[in-house]
Amino acid sequence: MPLGSLEVLLVSAKGLEDTDFLNNMDPYVILTCRTQEQKSSVASGKGSDPEWNENFVFNVTEGVSELKLKIMDSDCGTDDDFVGEATIPLDVLFTEGSIPPTIYNVVKGEEYRGEIKVGLTFTPEERSREYVEEESFGGWKESSYRD
């Protein structure tokens, strides 16, 4: 499993289900990479086609295999509404190094609820490699000499 940093460019969303009946919704995104969570700004009054163009950076550690994007509608005075979510597998990113802004389906209860556009870049951690001679481990060596 590669270690390093994951840069996420949150571009925009399109065709989201509008959860506000009287006003345009005010969407934001909660980005989750394993235990790390970050939140985008609120696209005030942008309705079902918001644009963010924001960058986020996550540390990639053992066990990271996907990025979750949870789209919420900011509401004053009441709980924010869940609009939908997208899960992006990161295996291809670890191989390719970067994925240009790509459209992913937003789902809610397994139903299509629009799309979100995200670009990804993975930078592997620089590891300094020290070569340690076998003898320094204090172990024994097996000899091929036999009586």
C-alpha atoms as a PDB file:
ATOM      1  CA  MET A   1       0.000   0.000   0.000  1.00  0.00           C
ATOM      2  CA  PRO A   2       1.566   3.312  -1.032  1.00  0.00           C
ATOM      3  CA  LEU A   3       2.154   6.111   1.452  1.00  0.00           C
ATOM      4  CA  GLY A   4       2.140   9.794   0.557  1.00  0.00           C
ATOM      5  CA  SER A   5      -0.241  12.678  -0.006  1.00  0.00           C
ATOM      6  CA  LEU A   6      -3.513  12.831  -1.877  1.00  0.00           C
ATOM      7  CA  GLU A   7      -4.469  16.168  -3.398  1.00  0.00           C
ATOM      8  CA  VAL A   8      -8.137  16.559  -4.262  1.00  0.00           C
ATOM      9  CA  LEU A   9      -9.407  19.287  -6.580  1.00  0.00           C
ATOM     10  CA  LEU A  10     -13.131  19.662  -5.891  1.00  0.00           C
ATOM     11  CA  VAL A  11     -14.374  21.318  -9.094  1.00  0.00           C
ATOM     12  CA  SER A  12     -18.165  21.311  -9.280  1.00  0.00           C
ATOM     13  CA  ALA A  13     -21.389  19.307  -9.209  1.00  0.00           C
ATOM     14  CA  LYS A  14     -24.232  19.142 -11.682  1.00  0.00           C
ATOM     15  CA  GLY A  15     -27.843  18.018 -11.665  1.00  0.00           C
ATOM     16  CA  LEU A  16     -28.050  17.532  -7.908  1.00  0.00           C
ATOM     17  CA  GLU A  17     -31.461  16.925  -6.402  1.00  0.00           C
ATOM     18  CA  ASP A  18     -32.529  20.279  -4.938  1.00  0.00           C
ATOM     19  CA  THR A  19     -33.501  19.708  -1.313  1.00  0.00           C
ATOM     20  CA  ASP A  20     -34.769  23.261  -0.751  1.00  0.00           C
ATOM     21  CA  PHE A  21     -38.267  23.963  -2.022  1.00  0.00           C
ATOM     22  CA  LEU A  22     -38.401  27.746  -1.611  1.00  0.00           C
ATOM     23  CA  ASN A  23     -34.767  28.782  -2.191  1.00  0.00           C
ATOM     24  CA  ASN A  24     -31.782  27.479  -4.080  1.00  0.00           C
ATOM     25  CA  MET A  25     -29.884  25.013  -1.953  1.00  0.00           C
ATOM     26  CA  ASP A  26     -26.481  25.903  -0.480  1.00  0.00           C
ATOM     27  CA  PRO A  27     -24.365  22.768  -1.038  1.00  0.00           C
ATOM     28  CA  TYR A  28     -21.051  21.852   0.535  1.00  0.00           C
ATOM     29  CA  VAL A  29     -19.009  18.661   0.496  1.00  0.00           C
ATOM     30  CA  ILE A  30     -17.538  16.607   3.340  1.00  0.00           C
ATOM     31  CA  LEU A  31     -14.450  14.796   2.009  1.00  0.00           C
ATOM     32  CA  THR A  32     -13.361  11.702   3.949  1.00  0.00           C
ATOM     33  CA  CYS A  33     -10.168   9.725   3.445  1.00  0.00           C
ATOM     34  CA  ARG A  34     -10.216   6.926   6.050  1.00  0.00           C
ATOM     35  CA  THR A  35     -10.156   8.833   9.393  1.00  0.00           C
ATOM     36  CA  GLN A  36      -9.372  12.280   7.960  1.00  0.00           C
ATOM     37  CA  GLU A  37     -12.269  14.584   7.207  1.00  0.00           C
ATOM     38  CA  GLN A  38     -12.350  18.006   5.558  1.00  0.00           C
ATOM     39  CA  LYS A  39     -15.207  20.276   4.564  1.00  0.00           C
ATOM     40  CA  SER A  40     -15.547  22.533   1.514  1.00  0.00           C
ATOM     41  CA  SER A  41     -16.943  26.024   1.601  1.00  0.00           C
ATOM     42  CA  VAL A  42     -20.688  26.461   1.151  1.00  0.00           C
ATOM     43  CA  ALA A  43     -21.683  27.322  -2.432  1.00  0.00           C
ATOM     44  CA  SER A  44     -24.349  29.816  -1.318  1.00  0.00           C
ATOM     45  CA  GLY A  45     -27.397  30.045  -3.545  1.00  0.00           C
ATOM     46  CA  LYS A  46     -25.794  27.929  -6.262  1.00  0.00           C
ATOM     47  CA  GLY A  47     -28.593  25.377  -6.259  1.00  0.00           C
ATOM     48  CA  SER A  48     -28.146  22.053  -8.015  1.00  0.00           C
ATOM     49  CA  ASP A  49     -25.104  23.141 -10.129  1.00  0.00           C
ATOM     50  CA  PRO A  50     -22.523  24.445  -7.597  1.00  0.00           C
ATOM     51  CA  GLU A  51     -18.868  25.266  -8.289  1.00  0.00           C
ATOM     52  CA  TRP A  52     -16.145  25.157  -5.651  1.00  0.00           C
ATOM     53  CA  ASN A  53     -12.703  24.915  -7.338  1.00  0.00           C
ATOM     54  CA  GLU A  54     -11.093  24.111  -3.986  1.00  0.00           C
ATOM     55  CA  ASN A  55      -8.038  22.003  -3.144  1.00  0.00           C
ATOM     56  CA  PHE A  56      -7.709  19.598  -0.230  1.00  0.00           C
ATOM     57  CA  VAL A  57      -4.719  17.516   0.873  1.00  0.00           C
ATOM     58  CA  PHE A  58      -4.891  14.230   2.779  1.00  0.00           C
ATOM     59  CA  ASN A  59      -2.124  12.015   4.166  1.00  0.00           C
ATOM     60  CA  VAL A  60      -2.310   8.557   2.643  1.00  0.00           C
ATOM     61  CA  THR A  61      -1.502   5.824   5.161  1.00  0.00           C
ATOM     62  CA  GLU A  62      -1.894   2.064   5.327  1.00  0.00           C
ATOM     63  CA  GLY A  63      -5.386   0.865   4.464  1.00  0.00           C
ATOM     64  CA  VAL A  64      -6.518   3.880   2.409  1.00  0.00           C
ATOM     65  CA  SER A  65      -8.419   2.577  -0.611  1.00  0.00           C
ATOM     66  CA  GLU A  66     -11.119   5.162  -1.336  1.00  0.00           C
ATOM     67  CA  LEU A  67     -12.200   8.763  -1.023  1.00  0.00           C
ATOM     68  CA  LYS A  68     -15.768   9.497   0.070  1.00  0.00           C
ATOM     69  CA  LEU A  69     -17.569  12.694  -0.916  1.00  0.00           C
ATOM     70  CA  LYS A  70     -20.751  13.475   0.988  1.00  0.00           C
ATOM     71  CA  ILE A  71     -22.788  16.373  -0.395  1.00  0.00           C
ATOM     72  CA  MET A  72     -24.865  18.320   2.100  1.00  0.00           C
ATOM     73  CA  ASP A  73     -27.217  21.302   1.845  1.00  0.00           C
ATOM     74  CA  SER A  74     -26.524  23.972   4.461  1.00  0.00           C
ATOM     75  CA  ASP A  75     -29.752  25.049   6.172  1.00  0.00           C
ATOM     76  CA  CYS A  76     -30.188  27.860   8.690  1.00  0.00           C
ATOM     77  CA  GLY A  77     -32.031  26.887  11.859  1.00  0.00           C
ATOM     78  CA  THR A  78     -32.451  23.205  10.964  1.00  0.00           C
ATOM     79  CA  ASP A  79     -30.177  20.241  10.368  1.00  0.00           C
ATOM     80  CA  ASP A  80     -28.348  20.246   7.054  1.00  0.00           C
ATOM     81  CA  ASP A  81     -29.910  17.980   4.407  1.00  0.00           C
ATOM     82  CA  PHE A  82     -28.085  14.989   2.950  1.00  0.00           C
ATOM     83  CA  VAL A  83     -28.066  15.372  -0.860  1.00  0.00           C
ATOM     84  CA  GLY A  84     -26.023  12.332  -1.902  1.00  0.00           C
ATOM     85  CA  GLU A  85     -22.554  10.837  -1.955  1.00  0.00           C
ATOM     86  CA  ALA A  86     -19.847   9.503  -4.242  1.00  0.00           C
ATOM     87  CA  THR A  87     -17.143   6.967  -3.440  1.00  0.00           C
ATOM     88  CA  ILE A  88     -13.958   7.073  -5.509  1.00  0.00           C
ATOM     89  CA  PRO A  89     -11.668   4.015  -5.457  1.00  0.00           C
ATOM     90  CA  LEU A  90      -8.006   5.071  -5.333  1.00  0.00           C
ATOM     91  CA  ASP A  91      -6.250   1.976  -6.768  1.00  0.00           C
ATOM     92  CA  VAL A  92      -5.939   3.481 -10.269  1.00  0.00           C
ATOM     93  CA  LEU A  93      -4.646   6.754  -8.802  1.00  0.00           C
ATOM     94  CA  PHE A  94      -1.853   4.956  -6.924  1.00  0.00           C
ATOM     95  CA  THR A  95      -0.753   3.398 -10.241  1.00  0.00           C
ATOM     96  CA  GLU A  96      -1.243   6.434 -12.529  1.00  0.00           C
ATOM     97  CA  GLY A  97      -0.198   9.220 -10.129  1.00  0.00           C
ATOM     98  CA  SER A  98      -2.987  11.562 -11.199  1.00  0.00           C
ATOM     99  CA  ILE A  99      -6.497  11.548 -12.590  1.00  0.00           C
ATOM    100  CA  PRO A 100      -7.661  14.733 -14.369  1.00  0.00           C
ATOM    101  CA  PRO A 101     -11.004  16.230 -13.303  1.00  0.00           C
ATOM    102  CA  THR A 102     -13.451  13.377 -13.812  1.00  0.00           C
ATOM    103  CA  ILE A 103     -17.212  13.099 -13.325  1.00  0.00           C
ATOM    104  CA  TYR A 104     -18.486  10.640 -10.702  1.00  0.00           C
ATOM    105  CA  ASN A 105     -22.101   9.699 -10.014  1.00  0.00           C
ATOM    106  CA  VAL A 106     -23.723  11.023  -6.859  1.00  0.00           C
ATOM    107  CA  VAL A 107     -26.087   8.497  -5.287  1.00  0.00           C
ATOM    108  CA  LYS A 108     -28.555   8.490  -2.437  1.00  0.00           C
ATOM    109  CA  GLY A 109     -30.101   5.184  -1.419  1.00  0.00           C
ATOM    110  CA  GLU A 110     -28.571   3.575  -4.533  1.00  0.00           C
ATOM    111  CA  GLU A 111     -30.412   6.051  -6.791  1.00  0.00           C
ATOM    112  CA  TYR A 112     -28.678   8.505  -9.143  1.00  0.00           C
ATOM    113  CA  ARG A 113     -28.809  12.058  -7.737  1.00  0.00           C
ATOM    114  CA  GLY A 114     -26.490  13.988 -10.074  1.00  0.00           C
ATOM    115  CA  GLU A 115     -22.754  14.119 -10.610  1.00  0.00           C
ATOM    116  CA  ILE A 116     -19.634  15.618  -9.049  1.00  0.00           C
ATOM    117  CA  LYS A 117     -16.405  16.567 -10.809  1.00  0.00           C
ATOM    118  CA  VAL A 118     -13.135  15.888  -8.993  1.00  0.00           C
ATOM    119  CA  GLY A 119      -9.441  15.807  -9.960  1.00  0.00           C
ATOM    120  CA  LEU A 120      -6.932  13.708  -7.990  1.00  0.00           C
ATOM    121  CA  THR A 121      -3.140  13.709  -7.621  1.00  0.00           C
ATOM    122  CA  PHE A 122      -1.092  11.245  -5.565  1.00  0.00           C
ATOM    123  CA  THR A 123       2.460  12.100  -4.479  1.00  0.00           C
ATOM    124  CA  PRO A 124       4.331   9.124  -3.003  1.00  0.00           C
ATOM    125  CA  GLU A 125       6.244   9.661   0.210  1.00  0.00           C
ATOM    126  CA  GLU A 126       9.990   9.893  -0.267  1.00  0.00           C
ATOM    127  CA  ARG A 127      11.549   7.106   1.709  1.00  0.00           C
ATOM    128  CA  SER A 128      15.206   7.199   2.529  1.00  0.00           C
ATOM    129  CA  ARG A 129      16.585   3.729   2.158  1.00  0.00           C
ATOM    130  CA  GLU A 130      19.411   2.609   4.335  1.00  0.00           C
ATOM    131  CA  TYR A 131      21.142  -0.569   3.408  1.00  0.00           C
ATOM    132  CA  VAL A 132      22.028  -2.521   6.495  1.00  0.00           C
ATOM    133  CA  GLU A 133      24.441  -5.387   6.248  1.00  0.00           C
ATOM    134  CA  GLU A 134      23.152  -8.764   7.266  1.00  0.00           C
ATOM    135  CA  GLU A 135      25.625  -9.174  10.130  1.00  0.00           C
ATOM    136  CA  SER A 136      24.362  -6.037  11.896  1.00  0.00           C
ATOM    137  CA  PHE A 137      21.057  -7.750  12.695  1.00  0.00           C
ATOM    138  CA  GLY A 138      22.824 -10.030  15.157  1.00  0.00           C
ATOM    139  CA  GLY A 139      21.207 -13.084  13.631  1.00  0.00           C
ATOM    140  CA  TRP A 140      22.814 -16.293  12.434  1.00  0.00           C
ATOM    141  CA  LYS A 141      23.575 -17.317   8.911  1.00  0.00           C
ATOM    142  CA  GLU A 142      22.803 -20.727   7.564  1.00  0.00           C
ATOM    143  CA  SER A 143      25.826 -22.474   6.203  1.00  0.00           C
ATOM    144  CA  SER A 144      25.711 -24.839   3.269  1.00  0.00           C
ATOM    145  CA  TYR A 145      28.603 -26.838   4.774  1.00  0.00           C
ATOM    146  CA  ARG A 146      27.567 -30.233   6.140  1.00  0.00           C
ATOM    147  CA  ASP A 147      29.506 -33.135   7.737  1.00  0.00           C
END
